[in-house]
């Protein structure tokens, strides 16, 4: 009887919610992944699924003894998700040379956990609608920041190249200037004929993307890592 009940709970209670949680976390994770942020699809799906499981388990625990008149608080376990997600969010926020990065990603993770709680309470379609709305909001605000307000951002990359003639650094500087990117800091290391140049610059994101594409036109380029 208990096995049958558990199977029914799995099919009717958890599996539909699992689907909604995967969709909600995946939609927001895809937006972060496309912007090459540290918390991508897998991370956001796991956050949403975990929040959904904690909330769903909280509902089941609170209703276990309801028939005997002992009612539990379904919000007590789910409430810990809000504080617990702060530790994960803090892990993606970084401070470097006076610039704080990762705040939007941390806030997105916070929203994803809220969507998971919403799914765990049985409001899957509401959570999906909100997830789509949040993605649209991120796209629209990004457009306004980059196109309307011409917002400048800081970028960092590490470029490795085979450079026996010593022309590599000058070429990178030319590409930076051609794409209206200003150098904040750089560090050049040598390993035989291989040179590794770490560049930190600031400018518009579309100019930075063009700079990365220009780098790959150099025949000497071995690797480009974006941070």
N, C-alpha and C. Protein backbone atom coordinates (compact mmCIF):
# COMPACT_ATOMS: atom_id res chain seq x y z
N UNK A 1 0.83 -1.21 0.00
CA UNK A 1 0.00 0.00 0.00
C UNK A 1 0.87 1.26 0.00
N UNK A 2 1.91 1.25 0.86
CA UNK A 2 2.81 2.40 0.93
C UNK A 2 3.57 2.57 -0.37
N UNK A 3 3.97 1.42 -0.98
CA UNK A 3 4.69 1.50 -2.26
C UNK A 3 3.81 2.09 -3.34
N UNK A 4 2.53 1.65 -3.37
CA UNK A 4 1.59 2.18 -4.36
C UNK A 4 1.36 3.66 -4.16
N UNK A 5 1.22 4.08 -2.89
CA UNK A 5 1.00 5.48 -2.59
C UNK A 5 2.19 6.32 -3.01
N UNK A 6 3.41 5.81 -2.75
CA UNK A 6 4.61 6.55 -3.13
C UNK A 6 4.70 6.70 -4.64
N UNK A 7 4.32 5.63 -5.37
CA UNK A 7 4.37 5.71 -6.82
C UNK A 7 3.35 6.72 -7.35
N UNK A 8 2.17 6.72 -6.76
CA UNK A 8 1.15 7.68 -7.17
C UNK A 8 1.61 9.10 -6.88
N UNK A 9 2.23 9.31 -5.72
CA UNK A 9 2.75 10.63 -5.39
C UNK A 9 3.83 11.06 -6.38
N UNK A 10 4.66 10.10 -6.79
CA UNK A 10 5.72 10.40 -7.73
C UNK A 10 5.15 10.86 -9.07
N UNK A 11 4.15 10.13 -9.55
CA UNK A 11 3.58 10.42 -10.87
C UNK A 11 2.74 11.69 -10.84
N UNK A 12 1.90 11.83 -9.84
CA UNK A 12 0.94 12.92 -9.81
C UNK A 12 1.48 14.19 -9.16
N UNK A 13 2.43 14.03 -8.27
CA UNK A 13 2.87 15.18 -7.49
C UNK A 13 4.21 15.73 -7.98
N UNK A 14 5.20 14.86 -8.18
CA UNK A 14 6.55 15.34 -8.45
C UNK A 14 6.91 15.42 -9.93
N UNK A 15 6.51 14.45 -10.74
CA UNK A 15 6.95 14.46 -12.14
C UNK A 15 6.49 15.69 -12.91
N UNK A 16 5.21 16.10 -12.83
CA UNK A 16 4.82 17.33 -13.53
C UNK A 16 5.60 18.55 -13.03
N UNK A 17 5.83 18.62 -11.73
CA UNK A 17 6.57 19.74 -11.17
C UNK A 17 8.03 19.72 -11.63
N UNK A 18 8.57 18.51 -11.78
CA UNK A 18 9.94 18.40 -12.27
C UNK A 18 10.05 18.99 -13.67
N UNK A 19 9.07 18.71 -14.51
CA UNK A 19 9.07 19.25 -15.87
C UNK A 19 9.01 20.77 -15.88
N UNK A 20 8.12 21.33 -15.06
CA UNK A 20 8.00 22.78 -14.98
C UNK A 20 9.29 23.41 -14.47
N UNK A 21 9.92 22.76 -13.46
CA UNK A 21 11.16 23.30 -12.88
C UNK A 21 12.29 23.29 -13.91
N UNK A 22 12.37 22.23 -14.69
CA UNK A 22 13.41 22.14 -15.72
C UNK A 22 13.22 23.23 -16.77
N UNK A 23 11.96 23.47 -17.16
CA UNK A 23 11.67 24.50 -18.16
C UNK A 23 12.03 25.89 -17.62
N UNK A 24 11.59 26.19 -16.40
CA UNK A 24 11.84 27.51 -15.82
C UNK A 24 13.34 27.77 -15.63
N UNK A 25 14.03 26.80 -15.03
CA UNK A 25 15.47 26.96 -14.84
C UNK A 25 16.23 26.99 -16.15
N UNK A 26 15.77 26.18 -17.12
CA UNK A 26 16.44 26.13 -18.41
C UNK A 26 16.31 27.41 -19.20
N UNK A 27 15.13 28.03 -19.15
CA UNK A 27 14.90 29.27 -19.90
C UNK A 27 15.82 30.38 -19.40
N UNK A 28 15.87 30.55 -18.08
CA UNK A 28 16.74 31.60 -17.53
C UNK A 28 18.21 31.22 -17.64
N UNK A 29 18.51 29.93 -17.50
CA UNK A 29 19.89 29.48 -17.64
C UNK A 29 20.41 29.67 -19.05
N UNK A 30 19.54 29.47 -20.04
CA UNK A 30 19.94 29.67 -21.43
C UNK A 30 20.32 31.12 -21.70
N UNK A 31 19.56 32.05 -21.11
CA UNK A 31 19.86 33.47 -21.28
C UNK A 31 21.23 33.80 -20.69
N UNK A 32 21.54 33.23 -19.52
CA UNK A 32 22.84 33.46 -18.90
C UNK A 32 23.96 32.77 -19.69
N UNK A 33 23.66 31.57 -20.22
CA UNK A 33 24.65 30.82 -20.99
C UNK A 33 25.04 31.57 -22.25
N UNK A 34 24.05 32.16 -22.91
CA UNK A 34 24.32 32.89 -24.15
C UNK A 34 25.17 34.13 -23.92
N UNK A 35 25.14 34.64 -22.69
CA UNK A 35 25.97 35.80 -22.35
C UNK A 35 27.28 35.39 -21.68
N UNK A 36 27.55 34.06 -21.72
CA UNK A 36 28.80 33.51 -21.20
C UNK A 36 29.01 33.84 -19.71
N UNK A 37 27.95 33.72 -18.94
CA UNK A 37 28.02 33.97 -17.51
C UNK A 37 28.31 32.67 -16.77
N UNK A 38 28.86 32.74 -15.53
CA UNK A 38 29.28 31.53 -14.83
C UNK A 38 28.15 30.55 -14.49
N UNK A 39 26.97 31.05 -14.16
CA UNK A 39 25.83 30.17 -13.83
C UNK A 39 24.96 30.01 -15.07
N UNK A 40 25.09 28.86 -15.73
CA UNK A 40 24.38 28.65 -16.99
C UNK A 40 23.18 27.74 -16.85
N UNK A 41 22.93 26.93 -17.88
CA UNK A 41 21.72 26.11 -17.94
C UNK A 41 21.69 25.09 -16.81
N UNK A 42 22.76 24.31 -16.65
CA UNK A 42 22.77 23.25 -15.64
C UNK A 42 22.58 23.80 -14.23
N UNK A 43 23.30 24.87 -13.93
CA UNK A 43 23.22 25.45 -12.58
C UNK A 43 21.81 25.94 -12.27
N UNK A 44 21.20 26.67 -13.19
CA UNK A 44 19.87 27.21 -12.94
C UNK A 44 18.80 26.13 -12.91
N UNK A 45 18.95 25.09 -13.72
CA UNK A 45 18.00 23.98 -13.65
C UNK A 45 18.08 23.30 -12.29
N UNK A 46 19.30 23.05 -11.83
CA UNK A 46 19.46 22.40 -10.52
C UNK A 46 18.92 23.26 -9.39
N UNK A 47 19.12 24.58 -9.47
CA UNK A 47 18.58 25.47 -8.44
C UNK A 47 17.07 25.41 -8.42
N UNK A 48 16.46 25.45 -9.61
CA UNK A 48 14.99 25.43 -9.69
C UNK A 48 14.43 24.09 -9.23
N UNK A 49 15.06 22.99 -9.66
CA UNK A 49 14.61 21.66 -9.25
C UNK A 49 14.79 21.48 -7.74
N UNK A 50 15.93 21.91 -7.21
CA UNK A 50 16.15 21.79 -5.77
C UNK A 50 15.14 22.58 -4.95
N UNK A 51 14.85 23.80 -5.38
CA UNK A 51 13.86 24.62 -4.68
C UNK A 51 12.48 23.98 -4.75
N UNK A 52 12.18 23.40 -5.93
CA UNK A 52 10.89 22.72 -6.08
C UNK A 52 10.79 21.51 -5.15
N UNK A 53 11.87 20.73 -5.05
CA UNK A 53 11.85 19.54 -4.20
C UNK A 53 11.71 19.91 -2.72
N UNK A 54 12.45 20.93 -2.29
CA UNK A 54 12.33 21.35 -0.89
C UNK A 54 10.90 21.81 -0.58
N UNK A 55 10.33 22.57 -1.49
CA UNK A 55 8.98 23.08 -1.27
C UNK A 55 7.96 21.95 -1.33
N UNK A 56 8.09 21.06 -2.33
CA UNK A 56 7.16 19.93 -2.44
C UNK A 56 7.24 19.02 -1.24
N UNK A 57 8.48 18.75 -0.78
CA UNK A 57 8.64 17.92 0.41
C UNK A 57 8.05 18.60 1.63
N UNK A 58 8.18 19.91 1.71
CA UNK A 58 7.61 20.66 2.83
C UNK A 58 6.09 20.52 2.86
N UNK A 59 5.47 20.58 1.68
CA UNK A 59 4.02 20.43 1.59
C UNK A 59 3.60 19.03 2.04
N UNK A 60 4.34 18.00 1.60
CA UNK A 60 4.02 16.63 1.99
C UNK A 60 4.19 16.41 3.48
N UNK A 61 5.28 16.96 4.04
CA UNK A 61 5.53 16.80 5.47
C UNK A 61 4.43 17.46 6.29
N UNK A 62 4.02 18.65 5.88
CA UNK A 62 3.00 19.38 6.64
C UNK A 62 1.64 18.70 6.58
N UNK A 63 1.39 17.93 5.50
CA UNK A 63 0.08 17.29 5.35
C UNK A 63 0.05 15.84 5.80
N UNK A 64 1.20 15.30 6.24
CA UNK A 64 1.27 13.89 6.61
C UNK A 64 0.33 13.55 7.75
N UNK A 65 0.33 14.37 8.78
CA UNK A 65 -0.50 14.09 9.96
C UNK A 65 -1.75 14.97 10.02
N UNK A 66 -2.13 15.55 8.87
CA UNK A 66 -3.29 16.44 8.86
C UNK A 66 -4.58 15.70 9.21
N UNK A 67 -4.67 14.42 8.83
CA UNK A 67 -5.89 13.66 9.10
C UNK A 67 -6.13 13.48 10.60
N UNK A 68 -5.04 13.47 11.38
CA UNK A 68 -5.17 13.30 12.82
C UNK A 68 -5.27 14.63 13.55
N UNK A 69 -5.34 15.70 12.79
CA UNK A 69 -5.49 17.01 13.41
C UNK A 69 -4.20 17.72 13.72
N UNK A 70 -3.06 17.15 13.31
CA UNK A 70 -1.77 17.78 13.54
C UNK A 70 -1.30 18.42 12.23
N UNK A 71 -1.48 19.71 12.14
CA UNK A 71 -1.13 20.43 10.92
C UNK A 71 0.27 21.03 11.04
N UNK A 72 1.01 20.93 9.95
CA UNK A 72 2.36 21.50 9.92
C UNK A 72 2.39 22.77 9.10
N UNK A 73 3.48 23.50 9.22
CA UNK A 73 3.66 24.74 8.47
C UNK A 73 4.45 24.43 7.20
N UNK A 74 3.79 24.49 6.06
CA UNK A 74 4.43 24.14 4.79
C UNK A 74 5.51 25.15 4.39
N UNK A 75 5.50 26.30 5.01
CA UNK A 75 6.45 27.33 4.62
C UNK A 75 7.78 27.28 5.36
N UNK A 76 7.88 26.47 6.42
CA UNK A 76 9.09 26.50 7.25
C UNK A 76 10.31 25.96 6.51
N UNK A 77 10.15 24.81 5.86
CA UNK A 77 11.27 24.24 5.12
C UNK A 77 11.56 25.04 3.86
N UNK A 78 10.50 25.44 3.16
CA UNK A 78 10.70 26.20 1.92
C UNK A 78 11.35 27.55 2.19
N UNK A 79 11.10 28.12 3.37
CA UNK A 79 11.66 29.43 3.70
C UNK A 79 13.18 29.40 3.76
N UNK A 80 13.75 28.23 4.07
CA UNK A 80 15.20 28.13 4.15
C UNK A 80 15.86 28.21 2.77
N UNK A 81 15.08 27.98 1.72
CA UNK A 81 15.62 28.10 0.36
C UNK A 81 16.07 29.52 0.10
N UNK A 82 15.30 30.48 0.58
CA UNK A 82 15.59 31.89 0.33
C UNK A 82 16.95 32.27 0.91
N UNK A 83 17.22 31.84 2.15
CA UNK A 83 18.50 32.16 2.76
C UNK A 83 19.62 31.29 2.20
N UNK A 84 19.30 30.03 1.90
CA UNK A 84 20.33 29.12 1.39
C UNK A 84 20.85 29.53 0.02
N UNK A 85 19.98 30.08 -0.82
CA UNK A 85 20.41 30.46 -2.17
C UNK A 85 21.39 31.62 -2.12
N UNK A 86 21.40 32.35 -1.01
CA UNK A 86 22.34 33.46 -0.87
C UNK A 86 23.80 33.01 -0.90
N UNK A 87 24.08 31.80 -0.41
CA UNK A 87 25.45 31.30 -0.44
C UNK A 87 25.89 31.03 -1.87
N UNK A 88 24.99 30.48 -2.69
CA UNK A 88 25.33 30.25 -4.09
C UNK A 88 25.48 31.58 -4.84
N UNK A 89 24.56 32.51 -4.56
CA UNK A 89 24.63 33.81 -5.22
C UNK A 89 25.91 34.55 -4.88
N UNK A 90 26.34 34.44 -3.63
CA UNK A 90 27.58 35.10 -3.23
C UNK A 90 28.80 34.54 -3.94
N UNK A 91 28.70 33.28 -4.37
CA UNK A 91 29.83 32.66 -5.05
C UNK A 91 30.08 33.18 -6.46
N UNK A 92 29.08 33.78 -7.08
CA UNK A 92 29.26 34.27 -8.45
C UNK A 92 29.51 35.78 -8.50
N UNK A 93 29.48 36.45 -7.34
CA UNK A 93 29.77 37.88 -7.29
C UNK A 93 31.25 38.07 -7.02
N UNK A 94 31.91 38.81 -7.88
CA UNK A 94 33.35 39.04 -7.76
C UNK A 94 33.64 40.53 -7.80
N UNK A 95 34.71 40.91 -7.12
CA UNK A 95 35.16 42.30 -7.13
C UNK A 95 36.59 42.31 -7.65
N UNK A 96 36.82 43.13 -8.66
CA UNK A 96 38.14 43.22 -9.25
C UNK A 96 38.44 44.66 -9.67
N UNK A 97 39.46 45.23 -9.06
CA UNK A 97 39.91 46.58 -9.41
C UNK A 97 38.76 47.60 -9.39
N UNK A 98 37.97 47.53 -8.34
CA UNK A 98 36.90 48.51 -8.16
C UNK A 98 35.63 48.21 -8.93
N UNK A 99 35.60 47.10 -9.70
CA UNK A 99 34.42 46.75 -10.47
C UNK A 99 33.77 45.49 -9.90
N UNK A 100 32.48 45.54 -9.64
CA UNK A 100 31.75 44.39 -9.13
C UNK A 100 31.01 43.73 -10.29
N UNK A 101 31.23 42.44 -10.48
CA UNK A 101 30.56 41.70 -11.55
C UNK A 101 29.83 40.50 -10.96
N UNK A 102 28.81 40.06 -11.64
CA UNK A 102 28.06 38.88 -11.21
C UNK A 102 26.78 39.17 -10.47
N UNK A 103 26.46 40.45 -10.27
CA UNK A 103 25.26 40.79 -9.51
C UNK A 103 23.99 40.33 -10.25
N UNK A 104 23.95 40.54 -11.56
CA UNK A 104 22.77 40.13 -12.33
C UNK A 104 22.61 38.62 -12.32
N UNK A 105 23.72 37.89 -12.44
CA UNK A 105 23.66 36.43 -12.38
C UNK A 105 23.18 35.95 -11.02
N UNK A 106 23.68 36.58 -9.95
CA UNK A 106 23.23 36.21 -8.59
C UNK A 106 21.74 36.49 -8.41
N UNK A 107 21.29 37.64 -8.92
CA UNK A 107 19.87 37.97 -8.81
C UNK A 107 19.01 37.00 -9.63
N UNK A 108 19.54 36.57 -10.78
CA UNK A 108 18.82 35.59 -11.60
C UNK A 108 18.67 34.28 -10.86
N UNK A 109 19.73 33.84 -10.18
CA UNK A 109 19.65 32.61 -9.38
C UNK A 109 18.61 32.74 -8.28
N UNK A 110 18.52 33.91 -7.69
CA UNK A 110 17.53 34.17 -6.64
C UNK A 110 16.11 34.05 -7.21
N UNK A 111 15.90 34.62 -8.40
CA UNK A 111 14.59 34.53 -9.06
C UNK A 111 14.28 33.08 -9.42
N UNK A 112 15.28 32.35 -9.91
CA UNK A 112 15.08 30.94 -10.27
C UNK A 112 14.64 30.12 -9.07
N UNK A 113 15.23 30.38 -7.91
CA UNK A 113 14.82 29.65 -6.71
C UNK A 113 13.37 29.99 -6.34
N UNK A 114 12.97 31.25 -6.54
CA UNK A 114 11.59 31.65 -6.28
C UNK A 114 10.63 30.93 -7.23
N UNK A 115 11.06 30.77 -8.48
CA UNK A 115 10.24 30.04 -9.45
C UNK A 115 10.11 28.58 -9.03
N UNK A 116 11.19 28.01 -8.52
CA UNK A 116 11.13 26.63 -8.03
C UNK A 116 10.15 26.47 -6.88
N UNK A 117 10.13 27.44 -5.97
CA UNK A 117 9.17 27.41 -4.87
C UNK A 117 7.75 27.49 -5.41
N UNK A 118 7.55 28.36 -6.40
CA UNK A 118 6.23 28.50 -7.02
C UNK A 118 5.78 27.18 -7.66
N UNK A 119 6.70 26.51 -8.34
CA UNK A 119 6.39 25.22 -8.95
C UNK A 119 6.08 24.19 -7.86
N UNK A 120 6.89 24.19 -6.80
CA UNK A 120 6.68 23.24 -5.71
C UNK A 120 5.34 23.38 -5.04
N UNK A 121 4.78 24.57 -5.06
CA UNK A 121 3.45 24.80 -4.48
C UNK A 121 2.33 24.47 -5.45
N UNK A 122 2.69 24.06 -6.67
CA UNK A 122 1.68 23.62 -7.63
C UNK A 122 1.26 24.65 -8.66
N UNK A 123 1.99 25.74 -8.78
CA UNK A 123 1.64 26.80 -9.73
C UNK A 123 2.65 26.83 -10.88
N UNK A 124 2.75 25.71 -11.58
CA UNK A 124 3.75 25.56 -12.63
C UNK A 124 3.60 26.53 -13.78
N UNK A 125 2.37 26.69 -14.28
CA UNK A 125 2.17 27.56 -15.43
C UNK A 125 2.44 29.02 -15.08
N UNK A 126 2.12 29.41 -13.86
CA UNK A 126 2.44 30.76 -13.42
C UNK A 126 3.95 30.97 -13.41
N UNK A 127 4.69 29.96 -12.93
CA UNK A 127 6.14 30.05 -12.89
C UNK A 127 6.73 30.15 -14.30
N UNK A 128 6.19 29.38 -15.24
CA UNK A 128 6.68 29.43 -16.62
C UNK A 128 6.44 30.82 -17.22
N UNK A 129 5.25 31.35 -16.98
CA UNK A 129 4.93 32.69 -17.51
C UNK A 129 5.87 33.74 -16.93
N UNK A 130 6.15 33.65 -15.64
CA UNK A 130 7.05 34.61 -15.01
C UNK A 130 8.47 34.43 -15.55
N UNK A 131 8.90 33.19 -15.76
CA UNK A 131 10.24 32.93 -16.30
C UNK A 131 10.40 33.56 -17.67
N UNK A 132 9.41 33.40 -18.53
CA UNK A 132 9.46 34.01 -19.87
C UNK A 132 9.49 35.54 -19.74
N UNK A 133 8.68 36.07 -18.83
CA UNK A 133 8.66 37.52 -18.62
C UNK A 133 10.00 38.06 -18.13
N UNK A 134 10.67 37.31 -17.24
CA UNK A 134 11.98 37.74 -16.73
C UNK A 134 13.02 37.74 -17.84
N UNK A 135 12.99 36.71 -18.69
CA UNK A 135 13.93 36.65 -19.82
C UNK A 135 13.71 37.83 -20.76
N UNK A 136 12.46 38.12 -21.08
CA UNK A 136 12.18 39.27 -21.93
C UNK A 136 12.65 40.56 -21.30
N UNK A 137 12.45 40.68 -20.00
CA UNK A 137 12.91 41.88 -19.28
C UNK A 137 14.43 42.02 -19.36
N UNK A 138 15.17 40.90 -19.20
CA UNK A 138 16.62 40.94 -19.29
C UNK A 138 17.08 41.35 -20.69
N UNK A 139 16.38 40.83 -21.71
CA UNK A 139 16.75 41.17 -23.09
C UNK A 139 16.50 42.64 -23.37
N UNK A 140 15.34 43.15 -22.94
CA UNK A 140 15.00 44.55 -23.20
C UNK A 140 15.93 45.49 -22.45
N UNK A 141 16.20 45.21 -21.18
CA UNK A 141 17.07 46.09 -20.40
C UNK A 141 18.51 46.06 -20.93
N UNK A 142 18.95 44.89 -21.38
CA UNK A 142 20.29 44.80 -21.98
C UNK A 142 20.37 45.65 -23.24
N UNK A 143 19.32 45.62 -24.04
CA UNK A 143 19.28 46.43 -25.26
C UNK A 143 19.38 47.91 -24.92
N UNK A 144 18.61 48.35 -23.93
CA UNK A 144 18.64 49.75 -23.54
C UNK A 144 20.01 50.14 -22.98
N UNK A 145 20.61 49.27 -22.20
CA UNK A 145 21.92 49.58 -21.62
C UNK A 145 22.99 49.72 -22.69
N UNK A 146 22.97 48.81 -23.66
CA UNK A 146 24.05 48.77 -24.64
C UNK A 146 23.80 49.68 -25.84
N UNK A 147 22.55 49.81 -26.24
CA UNK A 147 22.26 50.57 -27.46
C UNK A 147 21.81 52.00 -27.16
N UNK A 148 20.87 52.14 -26.24
CA UNK A 148 20.32 53.46 -25.95
C UNK A 148 21.28 54.26 -25.07
N UNK A 149 21.74 53.64 -23.97
CA UNK A 149 22.62 54.36 -23.05
C UNK A 149 24.10 54.19 -23.38
N UNK A 150 24.41 53.36 -24.39
CA UNK A 150 25.80 53.14 -24.79
C UNK A 150 26.65 52.75 -23.58
N UNK A 151 26.13 51.84 -22.80
CA UNK A 151 26.82 51.45 -21.57
C UNK A 151 28.13 50.72 -21.87
N UNK A 152 29.17 51.07 -21.13
CA UNK A 152 30.46 50.41 -21.27
C UNK A 152 30.66 49.41 -20.14
N UNK A 153 31.31 48.30 -20.47
CA UNK A 153 31.56 47.25 -19.50
C UNK A 153 33.03 46.89 -19.50
N UNK A 154 33.45 46.16 -18.45
CA UNK A 154 34.82 45.66 -18.38
C UNK A 154 34.86 44.23 -18.88
N UNK A 155 35.90 43.90 -19.62
CA UNK A 155 36.08 42.56 -20.17
C UNK A 155 37.51 42.11 -19.90
N UNK A 156 37.68 40.81 -19.84
CA UNK A 156 39.01 40.26 -19.62
C UNK A 156 39.17 38.99 -20.44
N UNK A 157 40.29 38.85 -21.10
CA UNK A 157 40.55 37.65 -21.89
C UNK A 157 42.05 37.32 -21.83
N UNK A 158 42.35 36.08 -22.13
CA UNK A 158 43.74 35.61 -22.19
C UNK A 158 43.98 35.04 -23.57
N UNK A 159 44.97 35.58 -24.27
CA UNK A 159 45.24 35.21 -25.66
C UNK A 159 46.61 34.56 -25.74
N UNK A 160 46.67 33.38 -26.36
CA UNK A 160 47.93 32.68 -26.57
C UNK A 160 48.23 32.64 -28.06
N UNK A 161 49.51 32.90 -28.42
CA UNK A 161 49.88 32.94 -29.83
C UNK A 161 51.32 32.49 -30.03
N UNK A 162 51.58 31.92 -31.19
CA UNK A 162 52.93 31.56 -31.60
C UNK A 162 53.54 32.81 -32.22
N UNK A 163 54.53 33.38 -31.52
CA UNK A 163 54.99 34.72 -31.90
C UNK A 163 56.52 34.80 -31.90
N UNK A 164 57.18 34.15 -32.84
CA UNK A 164 58.65 34.21 -32.87
C UNK A 164 59.20 35.57 -33.26
N UNK A 165 58.41 36.38 -33.97
CA UNK A 165 58.90 37.68 -34.45
C UNK A 165 58.52 38.85 -33.54
N UNK A 166 57.77 38.60 -32.49
CA UNK A 166 57.45 39.65 -31.53
C UNK A 166 56.45 40.68 -32.00
N UNK A 167 55.51 40.27 -32.86
CA UNK A 167 54.51 41.20 -33.40
C UNK A 167 53.15 41.07 -32.72
N UNK A 168 53.03 40.08 -31.88
CA UNK A 168 51.73 39.72 -31.33
C UNK A 168 51.10 40.84 -30.50
N UNK A 169 51.87 41.40 -29.56
CA UNK A 169 51.32 42.43 -28.67
C UNK A 169 50.87 43.66 -29.45
N UNK A 170 51.64 44.06 -30.44
CA UNK A 170 51.28 45.23 -31.24
C UNK A 170 49.99 44.99 -32.02
N UNK A 171 49.81 43.78 -32.52
CA UNK A 171 48.59 43.44 -33.27
C UNK A 171 47.36 43.52 -32.36
N UNK A 172 47.50 42.98 -31.15
CA UNK A 172 46.38 43.03 -30.20
C UNK A 172 46.04 44.48 -29.87
N UNK A 173 47.04 45.31 -29.65
CA UNK A 173 46.81 46.73 -29.35
C UNK A 173 46.10 47.42 -30.51
N UNK A 174 46.47 47.06 -31.73
CA UNK A 174 45.81 47.66 -32.90
C UNK A 174 44.34 47.27 -32.97
N UNK A 175 44.05 46.01 -32.69
CA UNK A 175 42.66 45.55 -32.74
C UNK A 175 41.83 46.21 -31.63
N UNK A 176 42.43 46.40 -30.46
CA UNK A 176 41.72 47.07 -29.38
C UNK A 176 41.36 48.50 -29.78
N UNK A 177 42.33 49.21 -30.35
CA UNK A 177 42.09 50.59 -30.76
C UNK A 177 41.07 50.66 -31.89
N UNK A 178 41.15 49.71 -32.83
CA UNK A 178 40.22 49.71 -33.97
C UNK A 178 38.78 49.47 -33.54
N UNK A 179 38.60 48.79 -32.40
CA UNK A 179 37.25 48.49 -31.92
C UNK A 179 36.83 49.37 -30.75
N UNK A 180 37.53 50.49 -30.56
CA UNK A 180 37.19 51.47 -29.51
C UNK A 180 37.17 50.88 -28.11
N UNK A 181 38.11 50.00 -27.84
CA UNK A 181 38.24 49.39 -26.52
C UNK A 181 39.47 49.99 -25.83
N UNK A 182 39.29 50.39 -24.58
CA UNK A 182 40.38 51.01 -23.82
C UNK A 182 41.01 49.98 -22.89
N UNK A 183 42.33 49.92 -22.88
CA UNK A 183 43.04 48.96 -22.03
C UNK A 183 43.05 49.44 -20.58
N UNK A 184 42.67 48.56 -19.67
CA UNK A 184 42.76 48.84 -18.24
C UNK A 184 44.03 48.22 -17.65
N UNK A 185 44.36 47.02 -18.13
CA UNK A 185 45.53 46.33 -17.59
C UNK A 185 45.91 45.22 -18.56
N UNK A 186 47.20 44.85 -18.56
CA UNK A 186 47.62 43.72 -19.37
C UNK A 186 48.84 43.07 -18.73
N UNK A 187 49.04 41.80 -19.07
CA UNK A 187 50.16 41.05 -18.50
C UNK A 187 50.65 40.09 -19.57
N UNK A 188 51.92 40.17 -19.91
CA UNK A 188 52.49 39.35 -20.98
C UNK A 188 53.45 38.33 -20.38
N UNK A 189 53.24 37.05 -20.74
CA UNK A 189 54.11 35.97 -20.28
C UNK A 189 54.64 35.21 -21.50
N UNK A 190 55.88 34.71 -21.41
CA UNK A 190 56.50 34.00 -22.52
C UNK A 190 56.79 32.56 -22.13
N UNK A 191 56.60 31.68 -23.10
CA UNK A 191 56.95 30.26 -22.93
C UNK A 191 57.55 29.80 -24.26
N UNK A 192 58.83 30.11 -24.47
CA UNK A 192 59.44 29.85 -25.76
C UNK A 192 58.89 30.81 -26.80
N UNK A 193 58.43 30.24 -27.91
CA UNK A 193 57.82 31.06 -28.96
C UNK A 193 56.35 31.35 -28.68
N UNK A 194 55.76 30.72 -27.65
CA UNK A 194 54.36 30.95 -27.28
C UNK A 194 54.28 32.10 -26.29
N UNK A 195 53.47 33.08 -26.61
CA UNK A 195 53.26 34.21 -25.71
C UNK A 195 51.80 34.24 -25.26
N UNK A 196 51.61 34.52 -23.99
CA UNK A 196 50.27 34.60 -23.41
C UNK A 196 50.04 36.02 -22.91
N UNK A 197 49.04 36.64 -23.45
CA UNK A 197 48.73 38.03 -23.10
C UNK A 197 47.37 38.08 -22.43
N UNK A 198 47.37 38.51 -21.17
CA UNK A 198 46.11 38.71 -20.45
C UNK A 198 45.74 40.18 -20.58
N UNK A 199 44.58 40.44 -21.13
CA UNK A 199 44.14 41.80 -21.40
C UNK A 199 42.85 42.10 -20.65
N UNK A 200 42.83 43.22 -19.95
CA UNK A 200 41.59 43.71 -19.35
C UNK A 200 41.29 45.05 -19.98
N UNK A 201 40.08 45.18 -20.53
CA UNK A 201 39.72 46.40 -21.24
C UNK A 201 38.27 46.76 -20.92
N UNK A 202 37.85 47.92 -21.37
CA UNK A 202 36.45 48.29 -21.21
C UNK A 202 35.94 48.95 -22.49
N UNK A 203 34.64 48.80 -22.70
CA UNK A 203 33.99 49.33 -23.89
C UNK A 203 32.62 48.71 -24.03
N UNK A 204 32.07 48.77 -25.22
CA UNK A 204 30.75 48.20 -25.46
C UNK A 204 30.88 46.72 -25.81
N UNK A 205 29.86 45.94 -25.43
CA UNK A 205 29.93 44.50 -25.63
C UNK A 205 30.03 44.11 -27.10
N UNK A 206 29.33 44.84 -27.97
CA UNK A 206 29.39 44.49 -29.39
C UNK A 206 30.78 44.77 -29.96
N UNK A 207 31.47 45.80 -29.45
CA UNK A 207 32.83 46.08 -29.90
C UNK A 207 33.79 45.01 -29.40
N UNK A 208 33.53 44.52 -28.18
CA UNK A 208 34.39 43.46 -27.63
C UNK A 208 34.22 42.17 -28.42
N UNK A 209 32.97 41.84 -28.79
CA UNK A 209 32.75 40.64 -29.61
C UNK A 209 33.46 40.76 -30.96
N UNK A 210 33.42 41.94 -31.55
CA UNK A 210 34.13 42.15 -32.81
C UNK A 210 35.64 42.01 -32.61
N UNK A 211 36.15 42.47 -31.49
CA UNK A 211 37.58 42.34 -31.17
C UNK A 211 37.99 40.87 -31.10
N UNK A 212 37.16 40.04 -30.45
CA UNK A 212 37.46 38.60 -30.34
C UNK A 212 37.47 37.96 -31.72
N UNK A 213 36.50 38.32 -32.56
CA UNK A 213 36.48 37.77 -33.93
C UNK A 213 37.70 38.21 -34.73
N UNK A 214 38.13 39.45 -34.54
CA UNK A 214 39.32 39.94 -35.23
C UNK A 214 40.56 39.17 -34.81
N UNK A 215 40.64 38.80 -33.52
CA UNK A 215 41.80 38.07 -33.03
C UNK A 215 41.97 36.74 -33.77
N UNK A 216 40.85 36.08 -34.03
CA UNK A 216 40.94 34.77 -34.67
C UNK A 216 41.40 34.86 -36.13
N UNK A 217 41.45 36.06 -36.67
CA UNK A 217 41.95 36.22 -38.03
C UNK A 217 43.48 36.18 -38.08
N UNK A 218 44.12 36.31 -36.92
CA UNK A 218 45.58 36.21 -36.86
C UNK A 218 46.00 34.75 -37.00
N UNK A 219 46.91 34.48 -37.90
CA UNK A 219 47.36 33.10 -38.11
C UNK A 219 48.13 32.56 -36.91
N UNK A 220 48.72 33.45 -36.13
CA UNK A 220 49.55 33.01 -35.00
C UNK A 220 48.74 32.63 -33.76
N UNK A 221 47.44 32.93 -33.75
CA UNK A 221 46.61 32.69 -32.56
C UNK A 221 46.49 31.20 -32.28
N UNK A 222 46.74 30.82 -31.03
CA UNK A 222 46.60 29.43 -30.59
C UNK A 222 45.32 29.22 -29.78
N UNK A 223 45.01 30.20 -28.91
CA UNK A 223 43.85 30.04 -28.01
C UNK A 223 43.41 31.39 -27.51
N UNK A 224 42.08 31.54 -27.32
CA UNK A 224 41.50 32.75 -26.73
C UNK A 224 40.55 32.31 -25.63
N UNK A 225 40.84 32.72 -24.40
CA UNK A 225 39.99 32.40 -23.26
C UNK A 225 39.32 33.68 -22.77
N UNK A 226 38.02 33.66 -22.67
CA UNK A 226 37.29 34.81 -22.14
C UNK A 226 36.93 34.55 -20.68
N UNK A 227 37.10 35.56 -19.84
CA UNK A 227 36.84 35.39 -18.41
C UNK A 227 35.66 36.22 -17.98
